[in-house]
Each structure stands twice: as C-alpha cells, then as structure tokens.
Protein backbone atom coordinates (compact mmCIF):
# COMPACT_ATOMS: atom_id res chain seq x y z
CA MET A 1 -80.14 191.21 -37.08
CA ALA A 2 -77.45 190.58 -34.58
CA ARG A 3 -78.81 189.60 -31.41
CA ILE A 4 -78.02 191.32 -27.99
CA PRO A 5 -76.23 189.25 -25.65
CA THR A 6 -77.84 188.33 -22.50
CA THR A 7 -75.86 187.46 -19.34
CA THR A 8 -77.43 185.02 -16.76
CA PRO A 9 -77.67 186.90 -13.69
CA ALA A 10 -75.06 185.02 -11.02
CA THR A 11 -76.70 183.48 -7.68
CA PRO A 12 -76.58 185.96 -5.24
CA ASN A 13 -74.41 184.19 -2.54
CA PRO A 14 -76.82 183.44 0.92
CA SER A 15 -76.03 186.16 3.56
CA ALA A 16 -75.16 185.59 7.05
CA GLU A 17 -78.48 185.36 8.45
CA ASP A 18 -79.85 183.20 5.68
CA GLU A 19 -77.37 180.59 6.81
CA VAL A 20 -78.27 181.10 10.38
CA LEU A 21 -81.94 180.80 9.21
CA ILE A 22 -81.02 177.59 7.21
CA ARG A 23 -79.24 175.59 10.02
CA GLU A 24 -82.42 176.45 12.66
CA ILE A 25 -84.76 175.22 10.29
CA ASP A 26 -82.67 171.95 9.79
CA GLU A 27 -81.96 171.55 13.81
CA ALA A 28 -86.11 171.88 14.15
CA VAL A 29 -86.44 169.09 11.45
CA ARG A 30 -84.35 167.00 13.10
CA GLU A 31 -85.73 167.44 16.65
CA ASP A 32 -89.00 167.00 14.94
CA ALA A 33 -88.10 163.66 13.66
CA VAL A 34 -86.76 162.80 16.87
CA PHE A 35 -89.73 163.51 19.10
CA ASP A 36 -91.94 162.02 16.32
CA PHE A 37 -89.97 158.66 16.80
CA MET A 38 -90.01 158.43 20.38
CA ARG A 39 -93.36 159.33 20.58
CA ASN A 40 -94.26 156.40 17.92
CA HIS A 41 -91.84 154.16 19.37
CA GLY A 42 -89.99 155.19 22.68
CA VAL A 43 -92.12 152.43 24.63
CA LYS A 44 -90.51 149.80 22.31
CA VAL A 45 -87.23 151.13 22.41
CA LEU A 46 -86.85 151.30 26.46
CA GLY A 47 -89.03 147.89 26.51
CA GLY A 48 -86.14 146.66 24.52
CA ILE A 49 -83.43 147.98 26.42
CA ALA A 50 -85.13 146.84 29.79
CA VAL A 51 -85.37 143.38 28.75
CA LEU A 52 -81.44 143.49 27.38
CA ILE A 53 -80.30 144.63 30.83
CA ALA A 54 -82.53 142.05 32.05
CA ALA A 55 -81.11 139.27 30.22
CA MET A 56 -77.18 140.69 31.03
CA GLY A 57 -78.30 140.48 34.57
CA GLY A 58 -79.95 136.89 34.62
CA TYR A 59 -76.64 135.56 32.49
CA MET A 60 -74.45 136.70 35.10
CA LEU A 61 -76.33 135.41 38.21
CA TRP A 62 -76.92 131.96 35.93
CA ASP A 63 -72.95 131.91 35.47
CA ASN A 64 -72.58 132.67 38.98
CA SER A 65 -74.71 130.04 40.07
CA ARG A 66 -73.47 127.26 37.70
CA GLU A 67 -69.47 128.23 38.68
CA SER A 68 -70.80 127.76 42.42
CA ALA A 69 -72.47 124.51 41.39
CA LEU A 70 -69.36 123.09 39.51
CA GLU A 71 -67.23 123.85 42.83
CA THR A 72 -69.53 122.13 45.26
CA GLN A 73 -69.79 118.75 42.74
CA SER A 74 -65.49 118.85 42.91
CA GLU A 75 -65.67 119.59 46.77
CA THR A 76 -67.71 116.46 46.76
CA LEU A 77 -65.37 114.56 44.57
CA ILE A 78 -62.67 115.17 46.37
CA SER A 79 -63.87 114.37 49.73
CA ALA A 80 -65.31 111.11 48.39
CA LEU A 81 -61.64 110.48 47.20
CA ASP A 82 -60.40 111.10 50.69
CA TYR A 83 -62.26 108.27 51.69
CA ALA A 84 -61.60 105.85 49.29
CA ASN A 85 -57.85 106.46 49.84
CA GLN A 86 -58.86 105.94 53.28
CA ARG A 87 -60.45 103.04 52.20
CA ASP A 88 -63.60 103.85 53.50
CA PHE A 89 -65.58 102.73 50.41
CA LYS A 90 -69.36 102.52 52.02
CA THR A 91 -69.14 106.61 52.76
CA ALA A 92 -67.39 107.45 49.39
CA ASP A 93 -70.21 105.64 47.29
CA GLU A 94 -72.54 107.92 49.84
CA LYS A 95 -70.58 111.03 49.59
CA VAL A 96 -71.05 111.33 45.59
CA ALA A 97 -74.24 109.49 45.49
CA PRO A 98 -75.97 113.21 45.16
CA LEU A 99 -73.98 113.92 42.17
CA LEU A 100 -75.90 111.20 39.80
CA ALA A 101 -79.33 113.30 39.92
CA ASP A 102 -79.88 115.08 36.40
CA GLY A 103 -79.20 118.71 37.36
CA ASN A 104 -75.30 117.73 38.06
CA SER A 105 -73.00 118.19 35.05
CA ALA A 106 -72.57 114.81 32.87
CA GLY A 107 -68.51 115.09 33.87
CA ALA A 108 -69.69 114.96 37.75
CA ARG A 109 -72.07 111.95 36.88
CA THR A 110 -69.73 110.01 34.99
CA ALA A 111 -66.81 110.70 37.79
CA ALA A 112 -69.73 109.83 40.48
CA ARG A 113 -70.21 106.48 38.73
CA PHE A 114 -66.47 105.51 38.20
CA LEU A 115 -65.59 106.38 41.84
CA GLN A 116 -69.07 104.03 42.88
CA ALA A 117 -67.76 101.06 40.48
CA GLY A 118 -64.30 101.26 41.95
CA ALA A 119 -65.56 101.05 45.49
CA ALA A 120 -68.17 98.35 45.00
CA LEU A 121 -65.02 96.14 43.42
CA GLU A 122 -63.49 96.70 46.40
CA GLN A 123 -66.45 95.92 48.29
CA GLY A 124 -66.81 92.25 46.47
CA GLU A 125 -69.79 93.82 44.29
CA PRO A 126 -68.75 93.02 40.73
CA ALA A 127 -72.47 92.79 39.84
CA LYS A 128 -73.19 96.62 41.13
CA ALA A 129 -69.59 97.39 39.30
CA THR A 130 -70.55 96.78 35.98
CA ALA A 131 -74.44 97.94 35.88
CA LEU A 132 -72.27 101.22 36.85
CA TYR A 133 -69.82 100.77 33.83
CA LYS A 134 -72.90 99.87 31.06
CA ALA A 135 -74.76 103.24 32.52
CA ILE A 136 -71.71 105.24 31.60
CA ALA A 137 -71.10 103.38 28.77
CA ALA A 138 -74.50 104.33 27.64
CA ASP A 139 -74.62 107.62 28.79
CA ASN A 140 -74.62 109.86 25.44
CA SER A 141 -73.86 113.07 27.39
CA ALA A 142 -70.70 111.34 29.01
CA PRO A 143 -66.90 111.69 26.95
CA THR A 144 -66.57 109.34 24.72
CA VAL A 145 -63.24 108.64 25.82
CA LEU A 146 -64.90 107.77 29.44
CA ARG A 147 -67.70 105.85 28.11
CA ASP A 148 -64.61 103.93 26.39
CA LEU A 149 -62.83 103.26 29.42
CA ALA A 150 -66.34 102.16 30.85
CA ARG A 151 -66.74 99.91 28.48
CA LEU A 152 -62.95 98.14 28.55
CA ARG A 153 -63.35 98.39 32.68
CA ASP A 154 -66.84 96.33 32.10
CA VAL A 155 -64.93 93.41 29.88
CA SER A 156 -61.91 93.33 32.25
CA THR A 157 -64.45 92.78 35.50
CA ASN A 158 -66.33 90.04 33.65
CA PHE A 159 -63.85 88.49 31.56
CA ASP A 160 -63.30 85.57 32.82
CA THR A 161 -67.51 85.22 32.52
CA MET A 162 -67.67 86.05 29.26
CA LYS A 163 -67.45 84.48 26.14
CA PRO A 164 -64.51 85.18 23.75
CA ALA A 165 -66.83 86.59 21.16
CA ASP A 166 -68.66 88.55 23.31
CA VAL A 167 -65.34 89.92 24.58
CA ILE A 168 -64.01 90.61 20.84
CA ALA A 169 -67.34 92.13 19.80
CA GLN A 170 -67.11 94.36 22.90
CA LEU A 171 -63.27 95.42 22.38
CA GLU A 172 -62.87 95.61 18.15
CA PRO A 173 -63.43 99.22 18.43
CA LEU A 174 -61.01 99.95 20.87
CA ALA A 175 -58.34 97.71 20.07
CA LYS A 176 -57.06 100.08 17.19
CA PRO A 177 -54.00 101.67 16.77
CA GLY A 178 -54.68 105.43 17.45
CA ASN A 179 -57.12 104.53 20.16
CA ALA A 180 -56.14 105.58 23.30
CA PHE A 181 -56.65 101.92 24.88
CA PHE A 182 -55.58 100.18 22.21
CA GLY A 183 -52.84 98.52 24.30
CA SER A 184 -55.26 97.35 27.11
CA ALA A 185 -58.01 96.42 24.76
CA GLY A 186 -55.89 94.92 22.68
CA GLU A 187 -54.51 92.61 24.99
CA LEU A 188 -57.24 91.57 26.37
CA MET A 189 -59.03 90.83 23.03
CA ALA A 190 -55.84 89.00 21.99
CA MET A 191 -56.41 86.59 25.10
CA ALA A 192 -59.84 86.33 23.81
CA HIS A 193 -58.80 85.00 20.57
CA LEU A 194 -56.53 82.71 22.09
CA GLU A 195 -59.13 81.18 24.13
CA ALA A 196 -60.95 81.01 20.95
CA GLY A 197 -58.29 78.86 19.41
CA ASN A 198 -57.35 81.38 16.66
CA LYS A 199 -53.73 81.71 17.22
CA ALA A 200 -52.97 83.34 14.14
CA ALA A 201 -55.18 86.26 15.15
CA ALA A 202 -53.79 86.46 18.87
CA GLY A 203 -50.43 86.56 17.66
CA LYS A 204 -50.79 89.18 15.36
CA LEU A 205 -52.75 91.47 17.96
CA PHE A 206 -49.71 90.67 20.41
CA ALA A 207 -47.04 91.58 17.51
CA ASP A 208 -48.57 95.02 16.71
CA ILE A 209 -49.12 95.92 20.58
CA ALA A 210 -45.06 94.78 21.05
CA LYS A 211 -44.30 96.91 17.97
CA ASN A 212 -46.19 100.13 19.16
CA GLU A 213 -44.02 102.74 20.93
CA ASP A 214 -46.75 104.25 22.56
CA GLN A 215 -47.13 101.82 24.55
CA PRO A 216 -46.04 101.01 28.44
CA GLU A 217 -42.59 98.90 27.97
CA THR A 218 -44.45 96.62 30.67
CA LEU A 219 -47.13 95.80 28.29
CA ARG A 220 -44.86 95.72 25.39
CA SER A 221 -42.61 93.32 26.84
CA ARG A 222 -45.28 91.06 27.98
CA ALA A 223 -47.07 91.04 24.31
CA ARG A 224 -43.35 90.29 22.22
CA GLN A 225 -43.18 87.48 24.79
CA MET A 226 -46.91 85.87 24.17
CA ALA A 227 -45.94 86.64 20.32
CA GLY A 228 -43.29 84.94 20.57
CA LEU A 229 -45.06 81.87 22.30
CA LEU A 230 -47.57 82.27 18.79
CA GLY A 231 -44.70 82.00 16.80
CA VAL A 232 -45.21 85.57 15.72
CA ASP A 233 -41.74 87.85 15.02
CA ALA A 234 -42.94 90.96 17.42
CA ILE A 235 -39.17 92.51 17.14
CA VAL A 236 -38.82 95.56 14.96
CA ASP A 237 -35.14 96.36 16.06
CA VAL A 238 -33.44 93.33 17.39
CA GLU A 239 -29.92 95.33 18.37
CA LYS A 240 -31.84 98.02 20.03
CA LEU A 241 -34.04 95.38 21.97
CA LEU A 242 -30.63 93.49 23.30
CA LYS A 243 -29.48 97.15 24.20
CA ASP A 244 -32.53 97.80 26.25
CA GLU A 245 -32.49 94.70 28.30
CA GLY A 246 -28.96 95.40 29.00
CA VAL A 247 -27.56 92.16 26.91
CA VAL A 248 -25.46 94.39 24.38
CA PRO A 249 -23.09 97.26 25.62
CA SER A 250 -23.51 100.42 23.91
CA GLY A 251 -20.14 99.77 22.23
CA GLY A 252 -21.45 97.67 19.39
CA GLU A 253 -20.32 94.36 17.60
CA GLY A 254 -18.45 92.58 20.31
CA GLY A 255 -21.30 92.66 22.58
CA ALA A 256 -23.80 91.39 19.88
CA ALA A 257 -21.06 88.57 19.11
CA ALA A 258 -20.87 87.96 22.49
CA ALA A 259 -24.59 87.40 22.81
CA ALA A 260 -24.63 85.65 19.69
CA ASN A 261 -22.37 83.34 21.43
C-alpha cells in the first residue's frame, strides 16, 4: 500500500510585532545584567577608577617635583663652578655640600664630590681630595666611567707616595685599549713598571699608547719617545710620522732621501 506523502510545514516567518518583542526582551535582559553587575561590583569598579586617577595625579606631582629638584641641583653646581672659576674654592666647596645628601641624584652627588676634590687640591689638601675620590670610586650608584675617573685621579694625586705595585694593581683594569682612560692610566702604569725596574713591560705599554690613534697626539708623542728610550719600536708608519713632524715634504722620496742624509 503506497504511503501518502507528507510535507513538513514550513516554519512561519516571525511577524514584525514578534521581532520588536524579541528585541525588547533582549535589551531588557542586557539592562538587567548591567544593573546586577553594578549592584554587585560597582563599588569595586569605582574604587579602582579612583585609585587609578589618584595614582596618575601622584605621578604627575612626583615628576614635576623631581624635575624641579634636578633643576635646583644643576643651578647649585653651576653656581659652585662659577666660584671655582673665580678661584674662590672655599665658597665653591660650601655651595655643593648640600648635594651630598642621600636625597639627591647620584649624578649630583658625584659631581659635587669631584668639585670638592678639585677645590681641596687647589687649597693644598690632598688627603681630603683622596677621601672624596675614594668615596666616588666606592659608590655603586655612580656611573662606571666616573668611578673609573675617580680611581685614576686618586692614583695620579698620590702617585709619588704609592708603591709601584699598588699603582699597577689600581690601574691595570683601566690601562687596556678600548677603555676611556687607557692613555692616561697606561702612562702612569708604565711609569710604575719603570720604577719597579720592569723596563720590558714599561716599553711595551708606552709603545701600545704611541700606536693607538685614539689617543691625543701629545700623549702619543711622549709615549713614543719613552718607548724609544727603552729600545722598543713604537712607530707603525715611519714615512707618515716624518710627514706629520714636517720632516718629509708631501712630495715623497726626495724629502725622504734628504732626511736619511
């Protein structure tokens, strides 16, 4: 017996009124969800916003205060330098004394100590200058390059009273090519080697300084002469050196022959 075909009735399309009703219900549900959230967590949200605003305001005040403090420190240093330039070292020392307090920036404290050390040397107080240089060198908050400079200044101030071994130990980390103070530290260290009787080490160090084109020409020339006295060749390009010294004209061989004669 043949089955009677059946057809699935099509789902009726919602009327315009039904669509409006669905949207209203949906919006009501969303509003209820927002009200429930604010009722349960509103205080926390508003508190978090208040904390954020307070933090931002506090940061702005702190930043403004910090900038103002840095400006004051800079003005103090400039004023002290003016007195130092007028050779009023006592007043310069007194001007920067407040900058040594812990509340000031590390840069300001370091600059103040350097200025005080310089003033002490000018007033014949090497012991005070030495103590200040050592304080800078031991201050981990100070920039490394300034700590190295303080160590170098300490040694140069007391070189005549130090044992050669102590000079070498202090300056060995600085007396290396690539270090900002290679030339100055290397020259002092070479002199210490010379005083200790180690002419080979002194001559090599003088030669290294003379060959280093990053160093001032006056220092290279002095090191070249010292290396030559110690029997160490410190000249890389003889012809260029003679030209630089004005011995060989830029023309070339004729001048070189004349120099050789």
